[in-house]
């Protein structure tokens, strides 16, 4: 098993543990409104961070390549309210065309 899969499994177990710990610790009490606001923003913030690092990084270097064009095309398609399958297809097509055109 590679290190990547070990990390995925560890994160999955940690996520399950955190989800189980909430009801056990709170014992049926509701979270304060301020905490609920922060918890609601954790998912989108994590997703944005993952997209940014996978799009703009190669190892420890900043890289501007075809992936960035694909994400930009997907963003444009989302702003035009395209269906998700169209967004994915547009991003893949733009990335493929950029790579075929010589952009790494």
C-alpha atoms as a PDB file:
ATOM      1  CA  UNK A   1       0.000   0.000   0.000  1.00  0.00           C
ATOM      2  CA  UNK A   2       1.401   3.395  -0.950  1.00  0.00           C
ATOM      3  CA  UNK A   3       1.739   6.383   1.336  1.00  0.00           C
ATOM      4  CA  UNK A   4      -1.083   8.145  -0.476  1.00  0.00           C
ATOM      5  CA  UNK A   5      -3.573   5.382   0.271  1.00  0.00           C
ATOM      6  CA  UNK A   6      -2.475   5.214   3.871  1.00  0.00           C
ATOM      7  CA  UNK A   7      -3.139   8.959   4.131  1.00  0.00           C
ATOM      8  CA  UNK A   8      -6.588   8.564   2.534  1.00  0.00           C
ATOM      9  CA  UNK A   9      -7.495   5.789   4.968  1.00  0.00           C
ATOM     10  CA  UNK A  10      -6.181   7.745   7.962  1.00  0.00           C
ATOM     11  CA  UNK A  11      -8.154  10.828   6.949  1.00  0.00           C
ATOM     12  CA  UNK A  12     -11.278   8.721   6.451  1.00  0.00           C
ATOM     13  CA  UNK A  13     -10.929   7.223   9.914  1.00  0.00           C
ATOM     14  CA  UNK A  14     -10.250  10.651  11.435  1.00  0.00           C
ATOM     15  CA  UNK A  15     -13.340  12.069   9.726  1.00  0.00           C
ATOM     16  CA  UNK A  16     -15.522   9.239  10.989  1.00  0.00           C
ATOM     17  CA  UNK A  17     -14.087   9.702  14.479  1.00  0.00           C
ATOM     18  CA  UNK A  18     -14.806  13.430  14.465  1.00  0.00           C
ATOM     19  CA  UNK A  19     -18.371  12.856  13.264  1.00  0.00           C
ATOM     20  CA  UNK A  20     -18.932  10.310  16.024  1.00  0.00           C
ATOM     21  CA  UNK A  21     -17.309  12.510  18.674  1.00  0.00           C
ATOM     22  CA  UNK A  22     -19.708  15.416  18.143  1.00  0.00           C
ATOM     23  CA  UNK A  23     -22.859  13.761  19.481  1.00  0.00           C
ATOM     24  CA  UNK A  24     -20.904  12.052  22.247  1.00  0.00           C
ATOM     25  CA  UNK A  25     -19.322  15.285  23.497  1.00  0.00           C
ATOM     26  CA  UNK A  26     -22.352  17.524  23.124  1.00  0.00           C
ATOM     27  CA  UNK A  27     -24.865  15.033  24.504  1.00  0.00           C
ATOM     28  CA  UNK A  28     -27.812  16.426  22.545  1.00  0.00           C
ATOM     29  CA  UNK A  29     -27.008  20.102  23.135  1.00  0.00           C
ATOM     30  CA  UNK A  30     -26.933  22.447  20.143  1.00  0.00           C
ATOM     31  CA  UNK A  31     -23.778  24.211  19.021  1.00  0.00           C
ATOM     32  CA  UNK A  32     -23.571  27.980  19.526  1.00  0.00           C
ATOM     33  CA  UNK A  33     -24.442  30.041  16.439  1.00  0.00           C
ATOM     34  CA  UNK A  34     -20.872  31.325  16.073  1.00  0.00           C
ATOM     35  CA  UNK A  35     -19.509  27.775  15.971  1.00  0.00           C
ATOM     36  CA  UNK A  36     -22.151  26.670  13.458  1.00  0.00           C
ATOM     37  CA  UNK A  37     -21.090  29.506  11.159  1.00  0.00           C
ATOM     38  CA  UNK A  38     -17.465  28.398  11.242  1.00  0.00           C
ATOM     39  CA  UNK A  39     -18.337  24.720  10.777  1.00  0.00           C
ATOM     40  CA  UNK A  40     -20.451  25.607   7.755  1.00  0.00           C
ATOM     41  CA  UNK A  41     -17.487  27.328   6.115  1.00  0.00           C
ATOM     42  CA  UNK A  42     -14.936  24.557   6.711  1.00  0.00           C
ATOM     43  CA  UNK A  43     -16.049  22.392   3.783  1.00  0.00           C
ATOM     44  CA  UNK A  44     -15.940  25.101   1.096  1.00  0.00           C
ATOM     45  CA  UNK A  45     -12.639  26.441   2.467  1.00  0.00           C
ATOM     46  CA  UNK A  46     -11.051  22.992   2.362  1.00  0.00           C
ATOM     47  CA  UNK A  47     -12.336  22.373  -1.171  1.00  0.00           C
ATOM     48  CA  UNK A  48     -10.969  25.735  -2.347  1.00  0.00           C
ATOM     49  CA  UNK A  49      -7.579  24.977  -0.791  1.00  0.00           C
ATOM     50  CA  UNK A  50      -7.419  21.563  -2.453  1.00  0.00           C
ATOM     51  CA  UNK A  51      -8.341  23.026  -5.841  1.00  0.00           C
ATOM     52  CA  UNK A  52      -5.766  25.796  -5.488  1.00  0.00           C
ATOM     53  CA  UNK A  53      -2.918  23.499  -4.485  1.00  0.00           C
ATOM     54  CA  UNK A  54      -3.725  20.907  -7.148  1.00  0.00           C
ATOM     55  CA  UNK A  55      -4.059  23.574  -9.829  1.00  0.00           C
ATOM     56  CA  UNK A  56      -1.141  25.844  -9.035  1.00  0.00           C
ATOM     57  CA  UNK A  57       1.483  23.618  -7.431  1.00  0.00           C
ATOM     58  CA  UNK A  58       3.909  20.995  -8.582  1.00  0.00           C
ATOM     59  CA  UNK A  59       5.862  19.797  -5.592  1.00  0.00           C
ATOM     60  CA  UNK A  60       6.890  22.980  -3.820  1.00  0.00           C
ATOM     61  CA  UNK A  61       6.875  25.185  -6.920  1.00  0.00           C
ATOM     62  CA  UNK A  62       4.211  27.505  -8.296  1.00  0.00           C
ATOM     63  CA  UNK A  63       3.267  26.325 -11.789  1.00  0.00           C
ATOM     64  CA  UNK A  64       0.951  28.090 -14.212  1.00  0.00           C
ATOM     65  CA  UNK A  65      -0.002  25.539 -16.853  1.00  0.00           C
ATOM     66  CA  UNK A  66      -2.954  23.949 -18.651  1.00  0.00           C
ATOM     67  CA  UNK A  67      -4.631  23.015 -15.358  1.00  0.00           C
ATOM     68  CA  UNK A  68      -5.187  26.680 -14.571  1.00  0.00           C
ATOM     69  CA  UNK A  69      -6.882  27.212 -17.932  1.00  0.00           C
ATOM     70  CA  UNK A  70      -9.139  24.221 -17.244  1.00  0.00           C
ATOM     71  CA  UNK A  71     -10.170  25.579 -13.853  1.00  0.00           C
ATOM     72  CA  UNK A  72     -10.778  29.020 -15.380  1.00  0.00           C
ATOM     73  CA  UNK A  73     -12.963  27.441 -18.091  1.00  0.00           C
ATOM     74  CA  UNK A  74     -14.885  25.471 -15.450  1.00  0.00           C
ATOM     75  CA  UNK A  75     -15.414  28.654 -13.460  1.00  0.00           C
ATOM     76  CA  UNK A  76     -16.767  30.426 -16.536  1.00  0.00           C
ATOM     77  CA  UNK A  77     -19.113  27.518 -17.256  1.00  0.00           C
ATOM     78  CA  UNK A  78     -20.344  27.561 -13.656  1.00  0.00           C
ATOM     79  CA  UNK A  79     -20.982  31.292 -13.846  1.00  0.00           C
ATOM     80  CA  UNK A  80     -23.063  30.631 -16.972  1.00  0.00           C
ATOM     81  CA  UNK A  81     -25.036  28.080 -14.908  1.00  0.00           C
ATOM     82  CA  UNK A  82     -24.042  25.103 -17.039  1.00  0.00           C
ATOM     83  CA  UNK A  83     -24.869  21.599 -15.761  1.00  0.00           C
ATOM     84  CA  UNK A  84     -22.068  19.877 -13.835  1.00  0.00           C
ATOM     85  CA  UNK A  85     -21.370  17.373 -16.616  1.00  0.00           C
ATOM     86  CA  UNK A  86     -20.921  20.257 -19.059  1.00  0.00           C
ATOM     87  CA  UNK A  87     -18.607  22.042 -16.621  1.00  0.00           C
ATOM     88  CA  UNK A  88     -16.426  18.940 -16.318  1.00  0.00           C
ATOM     89  CA  UNK A  89     -16.417  18.408 -20.097  1.00  0.00           C
ATOM     90  CA  UNK A  90     -15.487  22.040 -20.772  1.00  0.00           C
ATOM     91  CA  UNK A  91     -12.665  21.928 -18.228  1.00  0.00           C
ATOM     92  CA  UNK A  92     -11.308  18.671 -19.671  1.00  0.00           C
ATOM     93  CA  UNK A  93     -11.552  19.932 -23.248  1.00  0.00           C
ATOM     94  CA  UNK A  94      -9.806  23.245 -22.520  1.00  0.00           C
ATOM     95  CA  UNK A  95      -7.068  21.487 -20.545  1.00  0.00           C
ATOM     96  CA  UNK A  96      -6.556  18.928 -23.320  1.00  0.00           C
ATOM     97  CA  UNK A  97      -6.419  21.609 -26.004  1.00  0.00           C
ATOM     98  CA  UNK A  98      -3.939  23.658 -23.989  1.00  0.00           C
ATOM     99  CA  UNK A  99      -1.707  20.612 -23.517  1.00  0.00           C
ATOM    100  CA  UNK A 100      -1.998  19.699 -27.212  1.00  0.00           C
ATOM    101  CA  UNK A 101      -1.011  23.262 -28.035  1.00  0.00           C
ATOM    102  CA  UNK A 102       2.241  22.836 -26.162  1.00  0.00           C
ATOM    103  CA  UNK A 103       1.344  24.199 -22.734  1.00  0.00           C
ATOM    104  CA  UNK A 104       2.649  21.786 -20.091  1.00  0.00           C
END
